[in-house]
Structure formats: structure tokens, C-alpha cells
């Protein structure tokens, strides 16, 4: 996995965490769910990159 992909995935994860916390603080369930979804997408992308790396080696 390239460093750029790792950084992108980490940034998306952190943004998702921030959205989730902001949604929780403002009692906005939609924003909270959106943050959780962003985190899940980031984790799935990260897992996919790890699988690609395993087959390359």
C-alpha cells in the first residue's frame, strides 16, 4: 500500500471520528451515522489495500 493511500484512509477515518463526535455533541443522529459510515469505508479500503499488497508479494 502506498503511503499516499495510507494517509488518505487515515484522514478519512479521522474525519469520520470527528463527524461522529460532533453529531453526538449536537444530538444529530444523521451526522453521527455519517461519521460511522466514513470510518467503515476507510477500514474497508485499508483492508482491500492490505489484500492487494499480500498478493503482490
C-alpha atoms as a PDB file:
ATOM      1  CA  UNK A   1       0.000   0.000   0.000  1.00  0.00           C
ATOM      2  CA  UNK A   2       1.372   3.351  -0.910  1.00  0.00           C
ATOM      3  CA  UNK A   3       1.992   5.973   1.704  1.00  0.00           C
ATOM      4  CA  UNK A   4      -0.473   8.286  -0.020  1.00  0.00           C
ATOM      5  CA  UNK A   5      -3.237   5.661   0.231  1.00  0.00           C
ATOM      6  CA  UNK A   6      -2.489   5.106   3.909  1.00  0.00           C
ATOM      7  CA  UNK A   7      -2.626   8.836   4.576  1.00  0.00           C
ATOM      8  CA  UNK A   8      -5.894   9.197   2.653  1.00  0.00           C
ATOM      9  CA  UNK A   9      -7.500   6.328   4.545  1.00  0.00           C
ATOM     10  CA  UNK A  10      -6.306   7.677   7.892  1.00  0.00           C
ATOM     11  CA  UNK A  11      -7.603  11.159   7.052  1.00  0.00           C
ATOM     12  CA  UNK A  12     -10.990   9.720   6.098  1.00  0.00           C
ATOM     13  CA  UNK A  13     -11.077   7.737   9.341  1.00  0.00           C
ATOM     14  CA  UNK A  14     -10.212  10.797  11.438  1.00  0.00           C
ATOM     15  CA  UNK A  15     -12.820  12.895   9.624  1.00  0.00           C
ATOM     16  CA  UNK A  16     -15.382  10.182  10.328  1.00  0.00           C
ATOM     17  CA  UNK A  17     -14.470  10.167  14.001  1.00  0.00           C
ATOM     18  CA  UNK A  18     -14.818  13.943  14.146  1.00  0.00           C
ATOM     19  CA  UNK A  19     -18.221  13.821  12.424  1.00  0.00           C
ATOM     20  CA  UNK A  20     -19.397  11.120  14.800  1.00  0.00           C
ATOM     21  CA  UNK A  21     -18.302  13.083  17.883  1.00  0.00           C
ATOM     22  CA  UNK A  22     -19.780  16.338  16.571  1.00  0.00           C
ATOM     23  CA  UNK A  23     -23.041  14.570  15.780  1.00  0.00           C
ATOM     24  CA  UNK A  24     -23.065  13.109  19.274  1.00  0.00           C
ATOM     25  CA  UNK A  25     -22.367  16.513  20.861  1.00  0.00           C
ATOM     26  CA  UNK A  26     -25.099  18.243  18.860  1.00  0.00           C
ATOM     27  CA  UNK A  27     -27.529  15.335  19.126  1.00  0.00           C
ATOM     28  CA  UNK A  28     -27.553  14.987  15.327  1.00  0.00           C
ATOM     29  CA  UNK A  29     -28.066  11.270  14.687  1.00  0.00           C
ATOM     30  CA  UNK A  30     -27.677  11.674  10.911  1.00  0.00           C
ATOM     31  CA  UNK A  31     -24.235  13.256  11.247  1.00  0.00           C
ATOM     32  CA  UNK A  32     -23.227  10.662  13.818  1.00  0.00           C
ATOM     33  CA  UNK A  33     -24.226   7.848  11.438  1.00  0.00           C
ATOM     34  CA  UNK A  34     -22.429   9.534   8.548  1.00  0.00           C
ATOM     35  CA  UNK A  35     -19.256   9.642  10.640  1.00  0.00           C
ATOM     36  CA  UNK A  36     -19.550   5.953  11.458  1.00  0.00           C
ATOM     37  CA  UNK A  37     -20.084   5.159   7.775  1.00  0.00           C
ATOM     38  CA  UNK A  38     -16.972   7.138   6.816  1.00  0.00           C
ATOM     39  CA  UNK A  39     -14.956   5.134   9.324  1.00  0.00           C
ATOM     40  CA  UNK A  40     -16.274   1.829   7.962  1.00  0.00           C
ATOM     41  CA  UNK A  41     -15.437   2.874   4.379  1.00  0.00           C
ATOM     42  CA  UNK A  42     -11.933   3.811   5.458  1.00  0.00           C
ATOM     43  CA  UNK A  43     -11.427   0.482   7.186  1.00  0.00           C
ATOM     44  CA  UNK A  44     -12.695  -1.440   4.161  1.00  0.00           C
ATOM     45  CA  UNK A  45     -10.382   0.465   1.824  1.00  0.00           C
ATOM     46  CA  UNK A  46      -7.471  -0.219   4.156  1.00  0.00           C
ATOM     47  CA  UNK A  47      -8.301  -3.928   4.250  1.00  0.00           C
ATOM     48  CA  UNK A  48      -8.561  -4.042   0.456  1.00  0.00           C
ATOM     49  CA  UNK A  49      -5.151  -2.416   0.088  1.00  0.00           C
ATOM     50  CA  UNK A  50      -3.641  -4.930   2.519  1.00  0.00           C
ATOM     51  CA  UNK A  51      -5.075  -7.802   0.481  1.00  0.00           C
ATOM     52  CA  UNK A  52      -3.642  -6.329  -2.724  1.00  0.00           C
ATOM     53  CA  UNK A  53      -0.253  -5.987  -1.027  1.00  0.00           C
ATOM     54  CA  UNK A  54      -0.362  -9.616   0.111  1.00  0.00           C
ATOM     55  CA  UNK A  55      -0.876 -10.811  -3.461  1.00  0.00           C
ATOM     56  CA  UNK A  56       1.854  -8.567  -4.826  1.00  0.00           C
ATOM     57  CA  UNK A  57       4.400 -10.111  -2.503  1.00  0.00           C
END
